N, C-alpha and C. Protein backbone atom coordinates (compact mmCIF):
# COMPACT_ATOMS: atom_id res chain seq x y z
N MET A 1 -58.04 19.68 8.17
CA MET A 1 -58.77 17.85 8.78
C MET A 1 -57.53 17.12 9.22
N PHE A 2 -56.75 17.15 7.74
CA PHE A 2 -55.62 15.92 8.42
C PHE A 2 -54.23 16.66 9.37
N SER A 3 -54.20 17.48 9.46
CA SER A 3 -52.97 18.30 9.85
C SER A 3 -53.84 18.66 11.08
N THR A 4 -52.98 17.95 12.71
CA THR A 4 -53.29 18.41 13.76
C THR A 4 -51.73 19.07 14.54
N ASP A 5 -51.57 19.78 15.70
CA ASP A 5 -50.53 20.10 16.34
C ASP A 5 -49.50 18.58 16.27
N ASN A 6 -50.13 17.66 16.80
CA ASN A 6 -49.45 16.16 17.08
C ASN A 6 -48.68 15.92 15.87
N ASN A 7 -49.07 16.04 14.92
CA ASN A 7 -48.81 15.44 13.15
C ASN A 7 -47.82 16.70 13.36
N VAL A 8 -47.69 17.90 13.21
CA VAL A 8 -46.92 18.74 12.95
C VAL A 8 -45.77 18.45 13.94
N GLU A 9 -45.95 18.55 15.11
CA GLU A 9 -45.16 18.43 16.03
C GLU A 9 -43.91 16.85 15.52
N THR A 10 -44.65 15.82 15.50
CA THR A 10 -44.27 14.37 14.92
C THR A 10 -43.20 14.73 14.24
N ILE A 11 -43.68 15.17 12.88
CA ILE A 11 -43.04 15.39 11.65
C ILE A 11 -42.00 16.12 11.83
N GLY A 12 -41.60 17.61 13.17
CA GLY A 12 -40.58 18.15 13.23
C GLY A 12 -39.67 17.27 14.12
N GLN A 13 -40.22 16.75 14.62
CA GLN A 13 -39.14 15.60 15.58
C GLN A 13 -38.21 14.62 14.56
N LEU A 14 -39.14 14.00 13.44
CA LEU A 14 -38.55 13.41 12.32
C LEU A 14 -37.50 14.22 11.96
N VAL A 15 -37.62 15.21 11.66
CA VAL A 15 -36.75 16.13 10.74
C VAL A 15 -35.47 16.56 11.49
N GLU A 16 -35.87 16.69 12.86
CA GLU A 16 -34.67 16.83 13.61
C GLU A 16 -33.47 15.31 13.80
N VAL A 17 -34.45 13.85 13.91
CA VAL A 17 -33.55 12.89 14.03
C VAL A 17 -33.41 12.79 12.57
N LEU A 18 -33.85 13.00 11.43
CA LEU A 18 -32.97 13.25 10.39
C LEU A 18 -31.68 13.59 10.08
N LYS A 19 -31.80 14.87 10.77
CA LYS A 19 -30.62 16.01 10.62
C LYS A 19 -29.63 15.14 11.52
N ASP A 20 -30.13 14.75 13.07
CA ASP A 20 -28.79 13.66 13.45
C ASP A 20 -27.83 12.84 12.82
N TYR A 21 -29.04 12.32 12.57
CA TYR A 21 -28.40 10.82 11.86
C TYR A 21 -27.56 11.00 10.54
N ILE A 22 -28.08 12.35 9.78
CA ILE A 22 -26.96 12.59 8.75
C ILE A 22 -25.94 13.45 8.70
N GLY A 23 -25.58 13.58 10.03
CA GLY A 23 -24.97 14.61 10.29
C GLY A 23 -23.99 13.12 11.12
N LEU A 24 -24.99 12.39 11.77
CA LEU A 24 -23.87 11.27 12.11
C LEU A 24 -23.26 10.34 10.90
N GLN A 25 -23.72 10.13 10.03
CA GLN A 25 -23.43 9.60 8.68
C GLN A 25 -21.80 10.06 8.45
N LYS A 26 -21.84 11.69 7.92
CA LYS A 26 -21.04 12.67 7.66
C LYS A 26 -19.89 12.07 9.04
N GLU A 27 -19.88 12.09 9.86
CA GLU A 27 -19.12 11.97 10.50
C GLU A 27 -18.31 10.61 10.44
N TYR A 28 -19.53 9.09 10.63
CA TYR A 28 -18.43 8.47 10.22
C TYR A 28 -17.81 7.87 8.75
N VAL A 29 -18.11 8.62 7.89
CA VAL A 29 -17.51 8.47 6.60
C VAL A 29 -16.33 9.39 6.96
N LYS A 30 -16.03 10.32 7.34
CA LYS A 30 -15.25 11.25 7.58
C LYS A 30 -14.33 10.08 8.44
N LEU A 31 -14.33 9.72 9.63
CA LEU A 31 -13.16 8.55 10.37
C LEU A 31 -13.04 7.45 9.33
N ASP A 32 -14.14 6.75 8.65
CA ASP A 32 -13.49 5.95 8.17
C ASP A 32 -12.69 6.38 6.77
N VAL A 33 -12.39 7.22 6.28
CA VAL A 33 -11.43 7.85 5.71
C VAL A 33 -10.50 8.25 6.10
N ILE A 34 -10.46 8.82 7.17
CA ILE A 34 -9.49 9.01 8.07
C ILE A 34 -8.46 7.56 8.39
N GLU A 35 -9.45 6.82 9.04
CA GLU A 35 -8.89 5.33 8.89
C GLU A 35 -8.46 4.30 7.44
N LYS A 36 -8.80 4.83 6.63
CA LYS A 36 -8.30 4.04 5.22
C LYS A 36 -6.96 4.70 5.01
N VAL A 37 -6.63 5.91 5.03
CA VAL A 37 -5.74 7.05 4.86
C VAL A 37 -4.80 6.45 5.61
N VAL A 38 -4.79 6.31 6.71
CA VAL A 38 -3.53 6.29 7.87
C VAL A 38 -3.10 5.69 7.55
N ARG A 39 -4.19 4.08 7.02
CA ARG A 39 -3.38 2.40 7.13
C ARG A 39 -2.61 2.48 5.52
N LEU A 40 -3.24 3.05 4.91
CA LEU A 40 -2.27 3.74 3.75
C LEU A 40 -1.21 3.95 3.20
N ILE A 41 -0.67 4.71 4.49
CA ILE A 41 0.05 5.85 4.66
C ILE A 41 1.03 4.40 5.77
N THR A 42 0.98 4.44 6.60
CA THR A 42 1.21 3.41 7.30
C THR A 42 1.90 2.12 6.38
N ALA A 43 1.20 1.67 5.37
CA ALA A 43 1.57 0.41 4.74
C ALA A 43 2.75 0.89 3.66
N VAL A 44 2.72 2.47 2.62
CA VAL A 44 3.69 3.18 2.28
C VAL A 44 5.07 3.30 3.11
N THR A 45 4.35 3.82 4.07
CA THR A 45 5.93 3.71 4.77
C THR A 45 6.68 2.89 5.38
N LEU A 46 6.12 1.44 5.40
CA LEU A 46 6.88 0.28 5.52
C LEU A 46 7.29 -0.16 4.58
N LEU A 47 6.90 0.01 3.65
CA LEU A 47 7.54 -0.80 2.68
C LEU A 47 8.52 0.18 2.07
N GLY A 48 8.45 1.57 1.99
CA GLY A 48 10.59 1.98 2.38
C GLY A 48 10.90 1.74 2.81
N ILE A 49 10.49 1.83 4.24
CA ILE A 49 11.67 1.15 5.24
C ILE A 49 12.46 -0.02 4.52
N LEU A 50 10.84 -1.29 4.58
CA LEU A 50 11.57 -2.41 3.93
C LEU A 50 12.34 -2.31 3.19
N THR A 51 12.36 -1.47 1.50
CA THR A 51 13.08 -1.46 0.62
C THR A 51 13.92 -0.70 0.64
N ALA A 52 14.34 0.41 1.74
CA ALA A 52 15.51 0.58 1.92
C ALA A 52 16.42 -0.29 2.68
N SER A 53 15.85 -1.37 3.45
CA SER A 53 17.28 -2.28 4.24
C SER A 53 17.34 -3.19 3.30
N ILE A 54 16.45 -3.76 1.90
CA ILE A 54 16.19 -5.05 1.41
C ILE A 54 17.83 -4.21 0.21
N MET A 55 17.88 -3.05 -0.35
CA MET A 55 18.67 -2.49 -1.07
C MET A 55 20.27 -2.18 -0.19
N MET A 56 20.07 -1.84 0.76
CA MET A 56 21.53 -2.22 1.73
C MET A 56 21.54 -3.67 1.50
N ILE A 57 21.14 -4.48 1.80
CA ILE A 57 21.54 -5.74 2.31
C ILE A 57 21.60 -6.17 0.59
N ILE A 58 21.17 -6.04 -0.48
CA ILE A 58 21.87 -6.01 -1.63
C ILE A 58 22.98 -5.95 -2.17
N ILE A 59 23.36 -4.55 -2.31
CA ILE A 59 24.02 -3.40 -2.31
C ILE A 59 25.80 -4.40 -1.57
N PHE A 60 25.28 -4.70 0.02
CA PHE A 60 26.90 -5.01 0.47
C PHE A 60 26.92 -6.57 0.39
N GLY A 61 25.45 -7.35 -0.17
CA GLY A 61 26.10 -8.83 -0.53
C GLY A 61 26.28 -9.15 -1.90
N SER A 62 26.09 -7.85 -2.88
CA SER A 62 26.58 -7.79 -3.76
C SER A 62 28.03 -7.44 -3.85
N PHE A 63 28.59 -6.98 -3.17
CA PHE A 63 30.31 -6.79 -3.07
C PHE A 63 30.98 -7.71 -2.46
N ALA A 64 30.41 -8.53 -1.29
CA ALA A 64 30.82 -9.70 -1.17
C ALA A 64 31.02 -10.68 -1.73
N VAL A 65 29.70 -11.05 -2.79
CA VAL A 65 30.22 -11.96 -4.12
C VAL A 65 30.88 -11.41 -4.76
N VAL A 66 31.27 -10.01 -5.28
CA VAL A 66 32.18 -9.54 -6.20
C VAL A 66 33.58 -10.14 -5.47
N TYR A 67 33.52 -9.95 -4.57
CA TYR A 67 35.30 -9.76 -3.75
C TYR A 67 35.71 -11.55 -3.39
N ALA A 68 34.55 -12.37 -3.05
CA ALA A 68 34.59 -13.63 -3.05
C ALA A 68 35.03 -14.22 -4.49
N LEU A 69 34.39 -13.99 -5.82
CA LEU A 69 34.74 -14.34 -6.78
C LEU A 69 36.16 -13.48 -7.52
N ALA A 70 36.60 -12.55 -7.10
CA ALA A 70 37.82 -12.00 -7.52
C ALA A 70 38.84 -13.21 -7.33
N PRO A 71 39.53 -13.10 -6.43
CA PRO A 71 40.67 -14.09 -6.74
C PRO A 71 40.61 -15.05 -8.05
N SER A 72 39.27 -15.72 -7.90
CA SER A 72 39.53 -16.68 -8.74
C SER A 72 38.98 -16.16 -10.71
N LEU A 73 38.02 -15.52 -10.65
CA LEU A 73 37.49 -15.12 -11.86
C LEU A 73 38.24 -13.48 -12.21
N GLY A 74 38.52 -12.62 -10.65
CA GLY A 74 39.67 -11.21 -11.69
C GLY A 74 38.67 -10.70 -11.23
N MET A 75 38.83 -9.05 -11.00
CA MET A 75 38.17 -8.58 -10.42
C MET A 75 36.73 -7.86 -11.08
N ALA A 76 37.32 -7.83 -12.54
CA ALA A 76 36.10 -7.11 -13.44
C ALA A 76 35.12 -8.19 -13.80
N THR A 77 36.37 -9.36 -14.25
CA THR A 77 35.32 -10.59 -14.42
C THR A 77 33.84 -10.62 -13.46
N SER A 78 34.08 -10.30 -12.32
CA SER A 78 33.13 -10.89 -10.98
C SER A 78 32.14 -9.75 -10.76
N PHE A 79 32.55 -8.60 -11.16
CA PHE A 79 31.67 -7.31 -11.44
C PHE A 79 30.64 -7.79 -12.33
N CYS A 80 31.29 -8.33 -13.71
CA CYS A 80 30.74 -8.63 -15.18
C CYS A 80 29.44 -9.85 -14.56
N VAL A 81 29.67 -10.44 -13.78
CA VAL A 81 29.09 -12.02 -13.38
C VAL A 81 28.23 -11.54 -12.66
N VAL A 82 28.16 -10.67 -11.61
CA VAL A 82 27.47 -10.11 -10.46
C VAL A 82 26.49 -9.28 -11.34
N ALA A 83 26.52 -8.35 -12.41
CA ALA A 83 25.98 -7.42 -12.89
C ALA A 83 24.75 -8.31 -14.00
N ALA A 84 25.62 -9.00 -14.64
CA ALA A 84 24.38 -10.33 -15.43
C ALA A 84 23.34 -10.60 -14.67
N PHE A 85 23.88 -11.29 -13.45
CA PHE A 85 22.70 -11.95 -12.64
C PHE A 85 21.75 -11.04 -12.50
N TYR A 86 22.12 -9.83 -12.40
CA TYR A 86 20.99 -8.30 -12.09
C TYR A 86 20.24 -8.15 -13.38
N ILE A 87 20.88 -8.05 -14.26
CA ILE A 87 19.80 -8.39 -15.81
C ILE A 87 19.20 -9.56 -15.60
N VAL A 88 19.74 -10.73 -15.73
CA VAL A 88 18.93 -11.71 -15.56
C VAL A 88 17.32 -11.58 -14.81
N LEU A 89 17.94 -11.38 -13.60
CA LEU A 89 16.84 -11.36 -12.12
C LEU A 89 15.95 -9.88 -12.90
N PHE A 90 16.34 -8.78 -13.49
CA PHE A 90 15.44 -7.98 -13.92
C PHE A 90 13.93 -7.96 -15.27
N LEU A 91 14.74 -8.94 -15.68
CA LEU A 91 14.12 -9.29 -17.25
C LEU A 91 12.86 -10.40 -16.88
N LEU A 92 13.65 -11.63 -15.65
CA LEU A 92 12.26 -12.33 -14.66
C LEU A 92 11.29 -11.65 -14.14
N ILE A 93 11.40 -10.42 -13.86
CA ILE A 93 10.48 -9.20 -13.16
C ILE A 93 9.77 -8.67 -13.92
N PHE A 94 10.47 -8.20 -15.22
CA PHE A 94 9.50 -7.90 -15.87
C PHE A 94 8.83 -8.40 -16.85
N ALA A 95 9.33 -9.70 -16.76
CA ALA A 95 8.56 -10.45 -17.32
C ALA A 95 7.08 -11.16 -16.81
N PHE A 96 7.19 -11.44 -15.49
CA PHE A 96 6.44 -11.62 -14.74
C PHE A 96 5.92 -10.33 -13.62
N ARG A 97 5.47 -9.38 -14.24
CA ARG A 97 5.31 -8.27 -13.21
C ARG A 97 4.02 -8.32 -12.92
N LYS A 98 3.07 -8.83 -13.72
CA LYS A 98 1.35 -8.63 -13.77
C LYS A 98 1.23 -9.28 -12.82
N GLN A 99 1.91 -10.69 -12.46
CA GLN A 99 1.72 -11.94 -11.36
C GLN A 99 2.40 -11.48 -10.22
N TRP A 100 3.60 -11.12 -10.11
CA TRP A 100 4.90 -10.96 -8.97
C TRP A 100 4.48 -9.72 -8.37
N ILE A 101 3.69 -8.60 -9.44
CA ILE A 101 3.76 -7.23 -8.23
C ILE A 101 2.40 -6.62 -8.81
N GLU A 102 2.10 -6.53 -10.24
CA GLU A 102 0.62 -5.62 -10.29
C GLU A 102 -0.42 -6.30 -8.93
N ARG A 103 -0.51 -7.32 -9.41
CA ARG A 103 -1.48 -8.51 -8.72
C ARG A 103 -1.88 -8.19 -7.38
N PRO A 104 -0.55 -8.26 -6.68
CA PRO A 104 -0.01 -8.41 -5.03
C PRO A 104 -0.82 -7.02 -4.56
N VAL A 105 -0.14 -6.20 -5.20
CA VAL A 105 -0.44 -4.69 -4.47
C VAL A 105 -1.63 -4.19 -4.90
N ILE A 106 -2.68 -4.66 -6.14
CA ILE A 106 -3.93 -4.39 -6.41
C ILE A 106 -4.85 -5.10 -4.95
N ARG A 107 -4.17 -6.13 -4.78
CA ARG A 107 -5.12 -7.00 -4.00
C ARG A 107 -5.15 -6.28 -2.31
N ILE A 108 -3.64 -6.00 -1.78
CA ILE A 108 -3.04 -5.40 -0.60
C ILE A 108 -4.42 -3.72 -0.94
N LEU A 109 -3.87 -2.99 -1.83
CA LEU A 109 -4.72 -1.63 -2.05
C LEU A 109 -6.31 -2.01 -1.67
N ALA A 110 -6.58 -3.01 -2.31
CA ALA A 110 -8.05 -3.16 -2.57
C ALA A 110 -8.75 -3.56 -1.24
N SER A 111 -7.63 -4.33 -0.41
CA SER A 111 -8.03 -4.24 0.77
C SER A 111 -8.09 -3.54 2.11
N ILE A 112 -6.98 -2.58 1.73
CA ILE A 112 -6.86 -1.39 2.75
C ILE A 112 -8.32 -0.49 2.69
N LEU A 113 -8.42 -0.22 1.58
CA LEU A 113 -9.75 0.47 0.93
C LEU A 113 -10.40 -0.05 1.24
N MET A 114 -11.08 -1.11 0.83
CA MET A 114 -12.30 -1.80 0.65
C MET A 114 -12.65 -2.29 2.15
N ASP A 115 -12.26 -2.63 3.56
CA ASP A 115 -12.27 -2.92 4.35
C ASP A 115 -13.09 -2.32 5.07
């Protein structure tokens, strides 16, 4: 009574449209994941390059400070002064690690992954 050839054909078309829609949604999710992974890899690579550059600057700068202090303090004392500076810096970073490191990293990762 209710099923006619027209209704069956319309339902068949609806099923085909839904299949196409689901396939397109699957492709969209794949592309979205790929974009986020690429952005994350780019951020990690950039962070690695910047970290290596900053480490080289710190190392050469530390030696420059030691050699600048050496005539007045002596070589061994100059190295101890620079080492003490880095110990204090480490303690400050450790004390404020949540504010200075964890929260910004979480914000950056959330912005990359939730965008």
